Amino acid sequence: MNSSLTNSIGFSSFDLIASKYLYPDLYSLNDMITFPFGGMTEINGGTGVRIQWHPTFISTDKVKIELFSSGVLMSTIITTNNGSSNTDYIPSGIYRIKISSLSDSSLYDSVSFDYVRD
């Protein structure tokens, strides 16, 4: 097993993808995004939103991060799948972040949250 592809519990990213297809009712990407939390209010000094996720849930080198406000796509970020990124400045409002695989659009997670600039 290639150690660069394993996560902390010993499964490779390929194992995680295979388990999704073998056990679709048990597998969920709903826990991929670790910050911001769904339903939370993020209060920030205007530097944008910090986004964190488990990079082992998607086996590609890069991911797509989409930021929506009221259902409208506000921005798209293509970034290294390292588990962390930041948005540019955004005004206060209710947002949804979606992180997905560039090669397989069925591999994604999304979360909605309130953002308040202080």
Protein backbone atom coordinates (compact mmCIF):
# COMPACT_ATOMS: atom_id res chain seq x y z
CA MET A 1 0.00 0.00 0.00
CA ASN A 2 1.36 3.41 -0.94
CA SER A 3 1.82 5.22 2.37
CA SER A 4 1.38 8.64 0.78
CA LEU A 5 -2.21 7.70 -0.06
CA THR A 6 -3.23 6.35 3.33
CA ASN A 7 -5.23 8.21 5.94
CA SER A 8 -4.88 8.00 9.71
CA ILE A 9 -6.84 4.75 10.00
CA GLY A 10 -4.87 2.92 7.31
CA PHE A 11 -7.24 3.05 4.34
CA SER A 12 -6.07 4.49 1.05
CA SER A 13 -8.16 7.06 -0.77
CA PHE A 14 -8.85 4.31 -3.33
CA ASP A 15 -10.27 2.12 -0.53
CA LEU A 16 -12.62 4.91 0.48
CA ILE A 17 -13.87 5.32 -3.09
CA ALA A 18 -14.33 1.56 -3.48
CA SER A 19 -16.34 1.40 -0.25
CA LYS A 20 -18.71 4.05 -1.62
CA TYR A 21 -19.60 1.82 -4.54
CA LEU A 22 -19.69 -1.44 -2.56
CA TYR A 23 -21.72 -0.04 0.37
CA PRO A 24 -23.54 3.06 -0.89
CA ASP A 25 -25.99 3.17 2.03
CA LEU A 26 -23.20 3.20 4.60
CA TYR A 27 -20.77 5.55 2.88
CA SER A 28 -21.23 9.27 3.23
CA LEU A 29 -19.21 12.33 2.33
CA ASN A 30 -21.35 14.34 4.74
CA ASP A 31 -18.45 14.55 7.16
CA MET A 32 -15.83 15.72 4.66
CA ILE A 33 -16.08 19.44 5.49
CA THR A 34 -14.85 20.05 9.04
CA PHE A 35 -15.10 23.87 9.09
CA PRO A 36 -17.32 25.82 8.91
CA PHE A 37 -19.94 23.63 10.60
CA GLY A 38 -23.41 23.38 9.12
CA GLY A 39 -25.77 25.91 10.70
CA MET A 40 -23.00 27.75 12.54
CA THR A 41 -22.40 31.48 12.57
CA GLU A 42 -18.86 32.46 11.59
CA ILE A 43 -17.86 35.91 12.91
CA ASN A 44 -14.78 37.31 11.26
CA GLY A 45 -12.88 40.53 10.90
CA GLY A 46 -13.30 40.67 7.16
CA THR A 47 -10.52 38.37 5.99
CA GLY A 48 -12.82 35.84 4.32
CA VAL A 49 -13.90 32.40 5.42
CA ARG A 50 -11.50 29.66 6.50
CA ILE A 51 -12.50 26.32 4.95
CA GLN A 52 -11.23 22.95 6.20
CA TRP A 53 -11.98 19.42 5.00
CA HIS A 54 -10.68 15.85 5.16
CA PRO A 55 -8.52 15.57 2.01
CA THR A 56 -8.61 11.75 2.11
CA PHE A 57 -12.29 11.67 1.12
CA ILE A 58 -11.34 12.72 -2.43
CA SER A 59 -8.34 11.07 -4.06
CA THR A 60 -7.48 13.82 -6.55
CA ASP A 61 -4.61 16.30 -6.17
CA LYS A 62 -6.96 19.27 -6.60
CA VAL A 63 -10.53 20.02 -5.51
CA LYS A 64 -13.14 22.55 -6.56
CA ILE A 65 -14.61 24.80 -3.87
CA GLU A 66 -17.77 26.67 -4.78
CA LEU A 67 -19.28 29.46 -2.69
CA PHE A 68 -23.03 30.12 -3.06
CA SER A 69 -25.17 32.94 -1.67
CA SER A 70 -28.96 32.59 -1.94
CA GLY A 71 -28.43 29.74 -4.41
CA VAL A 72 -26.28 31.87 -6.71
CA LEU A 73 -22.68 30.82 -7.40
CA MET A 74 -20.46 33.65 -6.09
CA SER A 75 -16.99 32.17 -6.66
CA THR A 76 -15.12 29.03 -7.61
CA ILE A 77 -11.70 28.08 -6.28
CA ILE A 78 -9.60 25.26 -7.74
CA THR A 79 -7.02 24.43 -5.08
CA THR A 80 -4.64 21.75 -3.88
CA ASN A 81 -6.42 19.00 -1.95
CA ASN A 82 -4.52 19.67 1.29
CA GLY A 83 -7.49 20.17 3.62
CA SER A 84 -7.47 23.95 3.97
CA SER A 85 -8.29 27.08 1.99
CA ASN A 86 -9.68 30.59 2.45
CA THR A 87 -12.21 32.62 0.52
CA ASP A 88 -11.66 36.21 -0.44
CA TYR A 89 -13.57 38.96 1.34
CA ILE A 90 -17.33 38.34 1.42
CA PRO A 91 -20.12 40.45 2.93
CA SER A 92 -22.31 39.23 5.79
CA GLY A 93 -24.94 36.73 4.71
CA ILE A 94 -26.02 33.10 4.51
CA TYR A 95 -23.70 30.97 2.40
CA ARG A 96 -23.22 27.42 1.20
CA ILE A 97 -19.81 25.92 0.43
CA LYS A 98 -19.51 22.89 -1.83
CA ILE A 99 -16.25 20.94 -2.16
CA SER A 100 -16.03 18.41 -4.98
CA SER A 101 -13.67 16.24 -6.98
CA LEU A 102 -12.54 17.70 -10.28
CA SER A 103 -12.73 14.29 -11.98
CA ASP A 104 -15.94 12.90 -10.41
CA SER A 105 -18.70 15.41 -9.65
CA SER A 106 -20.59 12.80 -7.59
CA LEU A 107 -17.88 13.06 -4.90
CA TYR A 108 -18.77 16.20 -2.97
CA ASP A 109 -19.93 17.63 0.33
CA SER A 110 -21.61 20.93 1.09
CA VAL A 111 -22.41 22.94 4.18
CA SER A 112 -24.54 26.04 4.84
CA PHE A 113 -23.59 28.68 7.41
CA ASP A 114 -24.12 32.30 8.42
CA TYR A 115 -21.22 34.70 7.99
CA VAL A 116 -21.06 37.93 10.00
CA ARG A 117 -18.37 40.56 9.51
CA ASP A 118 -17.53 42.34 12.72
